[in-house]
């Protein structure tokens, strides 16, 4: 029996995550919110960036009583120079960075005929470019610490070839190649790099696109009944960031309920 709602107390505990310095992009809502909440529950020192100020502040307030409450920095990850500067400040304040979760993304729908050069650049900036430069920013601190974990968020969408998502799927496909390359470049420094491929996760944003009939079609296409929740993606992120995954690198980890 799959339960779509579980308490954090029912989730796995990773002692190695306690006190880890974790940076999450796009942490205000949806999958990112679940990831922030998950790492906070493990006693990690979490800092997240997001462009959504009200949602971010609400999350910080909700988790204010945690052993180590999360901190939020307002940031547009498409402004690479500004983002790099923000990350350098965050890493300095934390005294290092052990885990980077590259989560921020936007799956806006579009038709092929409507794509302009400017829109292409915008979609690559919000879905791909920031992941590379965030990794570049935290790698020196990880090397100094003797290792770390970078988790990139990909997507099942390009493996399915879904409609009206060409640029999003192009960026998400590239993330898998980038992960393999970074894992090779950084492995001898003890830095592991992996990609999580979520299926269709039930978030407020995703609910904008699907009718009850559409949701039923998704479940029918899965091997398992039920709807994937943000906490299910967070569970994989926490495992990959933990010492339990010490020999996991350069690979994709699917959390899609067998959606085909």
C-alpha atoms as a PDB file:
ATOM      1  CA  UNK A   1       0.000   0.000   0.000  1.00  0.00           C
ATOM      2  CA  UNK A   2       1.553   3.316  -1.094  1.00  0.00           C
ATOM      3  CA  UNK A   3       0.726   6.292   1.086  1.00  0.00           C
ATOM      4  CA  UNK A   4       0.939   9.659  -0.639  1.00  0.00           C
ATOM      5  CA  UNK A   5       1.348  11.496   2.662  1.00  0.00           C
ATOM      6  CA  UNK A   6       3.933  10.417   5.221  1.00  0.00           C
ATOM      7  CA  UNK A   7       5.322  12.233   8.228  1.00  0.00           C
ATOM      8  CA  UNK A   8       9.019  13.043   8.358  1.00  0.00           C
ATOM      9  CA  UNK A   9       9.286  10.752  11.377  1.00  0.00           C
ATOM     10  CA  UNK A  10       8.476   7.813   9.094  1.00  0.00           C
ATOM     11  CA  UNK A  11      11.345   8.633   6.734  1.00  0.00           C
ATOM     12  CA  UNK A  12      14.879   7.238   6.818  1.00  0.00           C
ATOM     13  CA  UNK A  13      17.413   8.959   9.048  1.00  0.00           C
ATOM     14  CA  UNK A  14      20.930   9.636   7.772  1.00  0.00           C
ATOM     15  CA  UNK A  15      23.326  10.469  10.633  1.00  0.00           C
ATOM     16  CA  UNK A  16      25.948  11.594   8.109  1.00  0.00           C
ATOM     17  CA  UNK A  17      23.693  14.492   7.014  1.00  0.00           C
ATOM     18  CA  UNK A  18      23.521  16.077  10.464  1.00  0.00           C
ATOM     19  CA  UNK A  19      25.425  19.344  10.340  1.00  0.00           C
ATOM     20  CA  UNK A  20      26.078  19.136   6.603  1.00  0.00           C
ATOM     21  CA  UNK A  21      26.071  22.469   4.796  1.00  0.00           C
ATOM     22  CA  UNK A  22      23.452  22.231   2.051  1.00  0.00           C
ATOM     23  CA  UNK A  23      22.600  24.721  -0.693  1.00  0.00           C
ATOM     24  CA  UNK A  24      19.362  24.300  -2.652  1.00  0.00           C
ATOM     25  CA  UNK A  25      18.199  26.325  -5.650  1.00  0.00           C
ATOM     26  CA  UNK A  26      14.491  26.886  -6.207  1.00  0.00           C
ATOM     27  CA  UNK A  27      13.683  25.823  -2.660  1.00  0.00           C
ATOM     28  CA  UNK A  28      10.511  27.829  -2.037  1.00  0.00           C
ATOM     29  CA  UNK A  29       7.874  25.503  -3.436  1.00  0.00           C
ATOM     30  CA  UNK A  30       7.153  22.168  -5.071  1.00  0.00           C
ATOM     31  CA  UNK A  31      10.029  19.683  -5.237  1.00  0.00           C
ATOM     32  CA  UNK A  32      12.461  22.269  -3.856  1.00  0.00           C
ATOM     33  CA  UNK A  33      10.311  22.857  -0.798  1.00  0.00           C
ATOM     34  CA  UNK A  34      10.228  19.117  -0.151  1.00  0.00           C
ATOM     35  CA  UNK A  35      14.012  18.927  -0.458  1.00  0.00           C
ATOM     36  CA  UNK A  36      14.556  21.819   1.939  1.00  0.00           C
ATOM     37  CA  UNK A  37      12.176  20.289   4.470  1.00  0.00           C
ATOM     38  CA  UNK A  38      13.839  16.889   4.129  1.00  0.00           C
ATOM     39  CA  UNK A  39      17.382  18.098   4.767  1.00  0.00           C
ATOM     40  CA  UNK A  40      16.235  20.314   7.632  1.00  0.00           C
ATOM     41  CA  UNK A  41      14.651  17.242   9.224  1.00  0.00           C
ATOM     42  CA  UNK A  42      18.080  15.567   9.127  1.00  0.00           C
ATOM     43  CA  UNK A  43      19.704  18.374  11.096  1.00  0.00           C
ATOM     44  CA  UNK A  44      21.527  19.833   8.102  1.00  0.00           C
ATOM     45  CA  UNK A  45      22.317  23.543   7.790  1.00  0.00           C
ATOM     46  CA  UNK A  46      20.218  24.453   4.741  1.00  0.00           C
ATOM     47  CA  UNK A  47      20.361  27.644   2.726  1.00  0.00           C
ATOM     48  CA  UNK A  48      18.072  27.973  -0.268  1.00  0.00           C
ATOM     49  CA  UNK A  49      17.732  30.556  -2.999  1.00  0.00           C
ATOM     50  CA  UNK A  50      14.592  31.428  -4.899  1.00  0.00           C
ATOM     51  CA  UNK A  51      12.986  34.291  -6.789  1.00  0.00           C
ATOM     52  CA  UNK A  52       9.694  33.752  -4.915  1.00  0.00           C
ATOM     53  CA  UNK A  53      10.038  35.897  -1.815  1.00  0.00           C
ATOM     54  CA  UNK A  54       6.644  35.377  -0.131  1.00  0.00           C
ATOM     55  CA  UNK A  55       6.694  31.591  -0.552  1.00  0.00           C
ATOM     56  CA  UNK A  56      10.283  31.401   0.697  1.00  0.00           C
ATOM     57  CA  UNK A  57       9.588  33.449   3.794  1.00  0.00           C
ATOM     58  CA  UNK A  58       6.526  31.320   4.545  1.00  0.00           C
ATOM     59  CA  UNK A  59       8.671  28.159   4.368  1.00  0.00           C
ATOM     60  CA  UNK A  60      11.303  29.635   6.678  1.00  0.00           C
ATOM     61  CA  UNK A  61       8.582  30.578   9.147  1.00  0.00           C
ATOM     62  CA  UNK A  62       7.023  27.107   8.972  1.00  0.00           C
ATOM     63  CA  UNK A  63      10.361  25.460   9.762  1.00  0.00           C
ATOM     64  CA  UNK A  64      11.491  28.067  12.304  1.00  0.00           C
ATOM     65  CA  UNK A  65      11.382  25.589  15.195  1.00  0.00           C
ATOM     66  CA  UNK A  66      13.704  23.076  13.528  1.00  0.00           C
ATOM     67  CA  UNK A  67      16.980  22.206  15.243  1.00  0.00           C
ATOM     68  CA  UNK A  68      18.758  24.142  12.494  1.00  0.00           C
ATOM     69  CA  UNK A  69      16.207  26.396  10.750  1.00  0.00           C
ATOM     70  CA  UNK A  70      16.743  27.000   7.032  1.00  0.00           C
ATOM     71  CA  UNK A  71      17.879  30.338   5.667  1.00  0.00           C
ATOM     72  CA  UNK A  72      16.650  32.012   2.506  1.00  0.00           C
ATOM     73  CA  UNK A  73      18.326  34.336   0.016  1.00  0.00           C
ATOM     74  CA  UNK A  74      16.300  36.085  -2.655  1.00  0.00           C
ATOM     75  CA  UNK A  75      18.055  35.417  -5.954  1.00  0.00           C
ATOM     76  CA  UNK A  76      17.416  35.193  -9.694  1.00  0.00           C
ATOM     77  CA  UNK A  77      19.460  32.188 -10.797  1.00  0.00           C
ATOM     78  CA  UNK A  78      19.381  33.367 -14.435  1.00  0.00           C
ATOM     79  CA  UNK A  79      21.587  36.325 -13.451  1.00  0.00           C
ATOM     80  CA  UNK A  80      24.757  34.250 -13.387  1.00  0.00           C
ATOM     81  CA  UNK A  81      27.088  36.944 -12.081  1.00  0.00           C
ATOM     82  CA  UNK A  82      24.638  37.836  -9.322  1.00  0.00           C
ATOM     83  CA  UNK A  83      24.027  34.161  -8.522  1.00  0.00           C
ATOM     84  CA  UNK A  84      27.736  33.358  -8.345  1.00  0.00           C
ATOM     85  CA  UNK A  85      28.253  36.287  -6.002  1.00  0.00           C
ATOM     86  CA  UNK A  86      25.356  35.144  -3.852  1.00  0.00           C
ATOM     87  CA  UNK A  87      26.734  31.589  -3.695  1.00  0.00           C
ATOM     88  CA  UNK A  88      30.185  32.812  -2.732  1.00  0.00           C
ATOM     89  CA  UNK A  89      28.607  34.737   0.129  1.00  0.00           C
ATOM     90  CA  UNK A  90      26.509  31.754   1.226  1.00  0.00           C
ATOM     91  CA  UNK A  91      29.489  29.397   1.207  1.00  0.00           C
ATOM     92  CA  UNK A  92      31.485  31.945   3.174  1.00  0.00           C
ATOM     93  CA  UNK A  93      28.732  32.302   5.776  1.00  0.00           C
ATOM     94  CA  UNK A  94      28.355  28.518   6.086  1.00  0.00           C
ATOM     95  CA  UNK A  95      32.089  27.970   6.248  1.00  0.00           C
ATOM     96  CA  UNK A  96      31.901  25.637   3.264  1.00  0.00           C
ATOM     97  CA  UNK A  97      29.466  23.573   1.228  1.00  0.00           C
ATOM     98  CA  UNK A  98      29.001  19.822   1.484  1.00  0.00           C
ATOM     99  CA  UNK A  99      25.897  19.375  -0.682  1.00  0.00           C
ATOM    100  CA  UNK A 100      24.575  21.290  -3.681  1.00  0.00           C
ATOM    101  CA  UNK A 101      21.077  20.541  -4.954  1.00  0.00           C
ATOM    102  CA  UNK A 102      20.548  22.079  -8.403  1.00  0.00           C
ATOM    103  CA  UNK A 103      16.761  22.081  -8.417  1.00  0.00           C
ATOM    104  CA  UNK A 104      15.517  25.360  -9.920  1.00  0.00           C
ATOM    105  CA  UNK A 105      13.733  24.982 -13.259  1.00  0.00           C
ATOM    106  CA  UNK A 106      10.656  26.062 -15.207  1.00  0.00           C
ATOM    107  CA  UNK A 107       8.678  23.795 -17.523  1.00  0.00           C
ATOM    108  CA  UNK A 108       6.736  26.466 -19.411  1.00  0.00           C
ATOM    109  CA  UNK A 109       4.840  25.046 -22.367  1.00  0.00           C
ATOM    110  CA  UNK A 110       5.562  26.402 -25.838  1.00  0.00           C
ATOM    111  CA  UNK A 111       5.022  25.601 -29.485  1.00  0.00           C
ATOM    112  CA  UNK A 112       7.922  25.202 -31.904  1.00  0.00           C
ATOM    113  CA  UNK A 113       6.830  28.145 -34.041  1.00  0.00           C
ATOM    114  CA  UNK A 114       6.785  30.507 -31.060  1.00  0.00           C
ATOM    115  CA  UNK A 115      10.430  29.951 -30.043  1.00  0.00           C
ATOM    116  CA  UNK A 116      12.696  32.947 -30.572  1.00  0.00           C
ATOM    117  CA  UNK A 117      16.436  33.236 -29.995  1.00  0.00           C
ATOM    118  CA  UNK A 118      15.772  35.266 -26.857  1.00  0.00           C
ATOM    119  CA  UNK A 119      13.283  32.704 -25.519  1.00  0.00           C
ATOM    120  CA  UNK A 120      15.793  29.906 -26.217  1.00  0.00           C
ATOM    121  CA  UNK A 121      18.451  31.712 -24.177  1.00  0.00           C
ATOM    122  CA  UNK A 122      15.961  32.368 -21.375  1.00  0.00           C
ATOM    123  CA  UNK A 123      14.917  28.705 -21.167  1.00  0.00           C
ATOM    124  CA  UNK A 124      18.522  27.479 -21.170  1.00  0.00           C
ATOM    125  CA  UNK A 125      19.347  29.998 -18.431  1.00  0.00           C
ATOM    126  CA  UNK A 126      16.553  28.893 -16.112  1.00  0.00           C
ATOM    127  CA  UNK A 127      16.865  25.156 -16.762  1.00  0.00           C
ATOM    128  CA  UNK A 128      20.530  24.407 -17.470  1.00  0.00           C
ATOM    129  CA  UNK A 129      23.148  27.149 -17.309  1.00  0.00           C
ATOM    130  CA  UNK A 130      22.810  27.921 -13.599  1.00  0.00           C
ATOM    131  CA  UNK A 131      23.457  24.272 -12.674  1.00  0.00           C
ATOM    132  CA  UNK A 132      26.938  24.317 -14.194  1.00  0.00           C
ATOM    133  CA  UNK A 133      27.949  27.646 -12.668  1.00  0.00           C
ATOM    134  CA  UNK A 134      26.565  26.746  -9.252  1.00  0.00           C
ATOM    135  CA  UNK A 135      28.731  23.620  -9.307  1.00  0.00           C
ATOM    136  CA  UNK A 136      31.712  25.725 -10.374  1.00  0.00           C
ATOM    137  CA  UNK A 137      31.085  28.080  -7.437  1.00  0.00           C
ATOM    138  CA  UNK A 138      30.951  25.412  -4.709  1.00  0.00           C
ATOM    139  CA  UNK A 139      33.634  23.031  -5.982  1.00  0.00           C
ATOM    140  CA  UNK A 140      36.574  24.864  -4.329  1.00  0.00           C
ATOM    141  CA  UNK A 141      34.905  24.558  -0.914  1.00  0.00           C
ATOM    142  CA  UNK A 142      34.119  20.886  -1.529  1.00  0.00           C
ATOM    143  CA  UNK A 143      37.694  20.184  -2.573  1.00  0.00           C
ATOM    144  CA  UNK A 144      38.971  21.906   0.557  1.00  0.00           C
ATOM    145  CA  UNK A 145      36.641  19.761   2.681  1.00  0.00           C
ATOM    146  CA  UNK A 146      37.819  16.579   0.991  1.00  0.00           C
ATOM    147  CA  UNK A 147      34.625  15.872  -0.933  1.00  0.00           C
ATOM    148  CA  UNK A 148      30.973  16.618  -1.413  1.00  0.00           C
ATOM    149  CA  UNK A 149      27.824  15.728  -3.303  1.00  0.00           C
ATOM    150  CA  UNK A 150      26.206  17.567  -6.206  1.00  0.00           C
ATOM    151  CA  UNK A 151      22.687  16.479  -7.122  1.00  0.00           C
ATOM    152  CA  UNK A 152      21.202  17.793 -10.349  1.00  0.00           C
ATOM    153  CA  UNK A 153      17.478  17.620 -11.047  1.00  0.00           C
ATOM    154  CA  UNK A 154      16.693  16.263 -14.495  1.00  0.00           C
ATOM    155  CA  UNK A 155      13.344  15.104 -15.850  1.00  0.00           C
ATOM    156  CA  UNK A 156      11.641  12.064 -17.270  1.00  0.00           C
ATOM    157  CA  UNK A 157       9.985  14.318 -19.874  1.00  0.00           C
ATOM    158  CA  UNK A 158      12.616  14.070 -22.598  1.00  0.00           C
ATOM    159  CA  UNK A 159      12.760  10.291 -22.244  1.00  0.00           C
ATOM    160  CA  UNK A 160       9.021  10.253 -22.978  1.00  0.00           C
ATOM    161  CA  UNK A 161       9.160  12.907 -25.695  1.00  0.00           C
ATOM    162  CA  UNK A 162       6.243  14.953 -24.353  1.00  0.00           C
ATOM    163  CA  UNK A 163       4.575  17.648 -26.434  1.00  0.00           C
ATOM    164  CA  UNK A 164       5.096  21.424 -26.100  1.00  0.00           C
ATOM    165  CA  UNK A 165       8.280  21.072 -24.039  1.00  0.00           C
ATOM    166  CA  UNK A 166      11.072  21.048 -26.623  1.00  0.00           C
ATOM    167  CA  UNK A 167      13.360  23.575 -24.936  1.00  0.00           C
ATOM    168  CA  UNK A 168      12.756  22.244 -21.429  1.00  0.00           C
ATOM    169  CA  UNK A 169      13.490  18.720 -22.625  1.00  0.00           C
ATOM    170  CA  UNK A 170      16.609  19.856 -24.489  1.00  0.00           C
ATOM    171  CA  UNK A 171      17.963  21.413 -21.299  1.00  0.00           C
ATOM    172  CA  UNK A 172      17.039  18.421 -19.161  1.00  0.00           C
ATOM    173  CA  UNK A 173      18.725  16.026 -21.592  1.00  0.00           C
ATOM    174  CA  UNK A 174      21.896  18.122 -21.414  1.00  0.00           C
ATOM    175  CA  UNK A 175      21.916  17.901 -17.613  1.00  0.00           C
ATOM    176  CA  UNK A 176      22.503  14.158 -17.815  1.00  0.00           C
ATOM    177  CA  UNK A 177      25.558  14.678 -20.014  1.00  0.00           C
ATOM    178  CA  UNK A 178      26.835  17.436 -17.755  1.00  0.00           C
ATOM    179  CA  UNK A 179      26.449  15.159 -14.730  1.00  0.00           C
ATOM    180  CA  UNK A 180      28.562  12.447 -16.335  1.00  0.00           C
ATOM    181  CA  UNK A 181      31.260  14.947 -17.273  1.00  0.00           C
ATOM    182  CA  UNK A 182      31.385  16.633 -13.872  1.00  0.00           C
ATOM    183  CA  UNK A 183      31.519  13.273 -12.104  1.00  0.00           C
ATOM    184  CA  UNK A 184      34.594  12.360 -14.132  1.00  0.00           C
ATOM    185  CA  UNK A 185      36.237  15.758 -13.603  1.00  0.00           C
ATOM    186  CA  UNK A 186      35.627  15.863  -9.851  1.00  0.00           C
ATOM    187  CA  UNK A 187      35.700  12.244  -8.729  1.00  0.00           C
ATOM    188  CA  UNK A 188      39.346  12.178  -7.672  1.00  0.00           C
ATOM    189  CA  UNK A 189      38.570  15.056  -5.335  1.00  0.00           C
ATOM    190  CA  UNK A 190      35.924  12.978  -3.583  1.00  0.00           C
ATOM    191  CA  UNK A 191      33.041  14.912  -5.161  1.00  0.00           C
ATOM    192  CA  UNK A 192      30.122  12.824  -6.366  1.00  0.00           C
ATOM    193  CA  UNK A 193      27.700  14.094  -9.026  1.00  0.00           C
ATOM    194  CA  UNK A 194      24.352  12.501  -9.818  1.00  0.00           C
ATOM    195  CA  UNK A 195      21.042  13.283 -11.490  1.00  0.00           C
ATOM    196  CA  UNK A 196      17.560  12.620 -10.156  1.00  0.00           C
ATOM    197  CA  UNK A 197      14.890  12.064 -12.803  1.00  0.00           C
ATOM    198  CA  UNK A 198      11.467  12.721 -11.296  1.00  0.00           C
ATOM    199  CA  UNK A 199       8.328  11.425 -12.903  1.00  0.00           C
ATOM    200  CA  UNK A 200       5.162  13.486 -12.708  1.00  0.00           C
ATOM    201  CA  UNK A 201       5.257  14.957  -9.209  1.00  0.00           C
ATOM    202  CA  UNK A 202       2.036  16.272  -7.696  1.00  0.00           C
ATOM    203  CA  UNK A 203       2.878  19.910  -6.996  1.00  0.00           C
ATOM    204  CA  UNK A 204       0.668  23.011  -7.159  1.00  0.00           C
ATOM    205  CA  UNK A 205       2.431  24.029 -10.384  1.00  0.00           C
ATOM    206  CA  UNK A 206       1.853  20.682 -12.051  1.00  0.00           C
ATOM    207  CA  UNK A 207      -1.785  20.728 -11.052  1.00  0.00           C
ATOM    208  CA  UNK A 208      -2.170  23.735 -13.362  1.00  0.00           C
ATOM    209  CA  UNK A 209      -1.598  21.488 -16.352  1.00  0.00           C
ATOM    210  CA  UNK A 210      -3.689  18.427 -15.496  1.00  0.00           C
ATOM    211  CA  UNK A 211      -7.381  17.702 -15.157  1.00  0.00           C
ATOM    212  CA  UNK A 212      -8.513  14.798 -12.944  1.00  0.00           C
ATOM    213  CA  UNK A 213      -8.781  12.779 -16.158  1.00  0.00           C
ATOM    214  CA  UNK A 214      -5.215  13.713 -17.067  1.00  0.00           C
ATOM    215  CA  UNK A 215      -3.966  12.664 -13.653  1.00  0.00           C
ATOM    216  CA  UNK A 216      -5.740   9.342 -14.039  1.00  0.00           C
ATOM    217  CA  UNK A 217      -3.929   8.825 -17.342  1.00  0.00           C
ATOM    218  CA  UNK A 218      -0.578   9.458 -15.641  1.00  0.00           C
ATOM    219  CA  UNK A 219      -1.298   6.891 -12.932  1.00  0.00           C
ATOM    220  CA  UNK A 220      -2.435   4.414 -15.586  1.00  0.00           C
ATOM    221  CA  UNK A 221       0.905   4.852 -17.387  1.00  0.00           C
ATOM    222  CA  UNK A 222       2.834   4.173 -14.152  1.00  0.00           C
ATOM    223  CA  UNK A 223       3.652   0.697 -12.855  1.00  0.00           C
ATOM    224  CA  UNK A 224       2.585   1.813  -9.378  1.00  0.00           C
ATOM    225  CA  UNK A 225      -0.634   3.390  -8.214  1.00  0.00           C
ATOM    226  CA  UNK A 226      -0.608   6.765  -6.484  1.00  0.00           C
ATOM    227  CA  UNK A 227       0.877  10.193  -7.191  1.00  0.00           C
ATOM    228  CA  UNK A 228       4.527  10.992  -6.598  1.00  0.00           C
ATOM    229  CA  UNK A 229       5.032  13.658  -3.927  1.00  0.00           C
ATOM    230  CA  UNK A 230       7.897  16.157  -3.404  1.00  0.00           C
ATOM    231  CA  UNK A 231       8.991  14.160  -0.339  1.00  0.00           C
ATOM    232  CA  UNK A 232       9.643  11.164  -2.616  1.00  0.00           C
ATOM    233  CA  UNK A 233      12.164  13.184  -4.626  1.00  0.00           C
ATOM    234  CA  UNK A 234      13.638  14.554  -1.405  1.00  0.00           C
ATOM    235  CA  UNK A 235      14.137  10.999  -0.152  1.00  0.00           C
ATOM    236  CA  UNK A 236      16.356  10.214  -3.146  1.00  0.00           C
ATOM    237  CA  UNK A 237      18.233  13.506  -2.815  1.00  0.00           C
ATOM    238  CA  UNK A 238      18.991  12.811   0.843  1.00  0.00           C
ATOM    239  CA  UNK A 239      20.249   9.315   0.070  1.00  0.00           C
ATOM    240  CA  UNK A 240      22.529  10.563  -2.712  1.00  0.00           C
ATOM    241  CA  UNK A 241      23.888  13.300  -0.444  1.00  0.00           C
ATOM    242  CA  UNK A 242      24.554  10.916   2.438  1.00  0.00           C
ATOM    243  CA  UNK A 243      27.602   8.785   3.128  1.00  0.00           C
ATOM    244  CA  UNK A 244      25.436   5.726   2.437  1.00  0.00           C
ATOM    245  CA  UNK A 245      25.761   6.639  -1.266  1.00  0.00           C
ATOM    246  CA  UNK A 246      29.539   7.053  -1.086  1.00  0.00           C
ATOM    247  CA  UNK A 247      30.126   5.032  -4.261  1.00  0.00           C
ATOM    248  CA  UNK A 248      27.189   6.415  -6.232  1.00  0.00           C
ATOM    249  CA  UNK A 249      28.268   8.891  -8.902  1.00  0.00           C
ATOM    250  CA  UNK A 250      27.852   9.749 -12.602  1.00  0.00           C
ATOM    251  CA  UNK A 251      24.419   8.171 -12.870  1.00  0.00           C
ATOM    252  CA  UNK A 252      20.694   8.833 -13.154  1.00  0.00           C
ATOM    253  CA  UNK A 253      18.316   7.855 -10.374  1.00  0.00           C
ATOM    254  CA  UNK A 254      14.680   7.556 -11.404  1.00  0.00           C
ATOM    255  CA  UNK A 255      11.762   8.343  -9.131  1.00  0.00           C
ATOM    256  CA  UNK A 256       8.897   7.937 -11.599  1.00  0.00           C
ATOM    257  CA  UNK A 257       6.708   5.065 -10.338  1.00  0.00           C
ATOM    258  CA  UNK A 258       7.668   3.221 -13.522  1.00  0.00           C
ATOM    259  CA  UNK A 259       6.014   5.777 -15.821  1.00  0.00           C
ATOM    260  CA  UNK A 260       6.271   4.687 -19.451  1.00  0.00           C
END
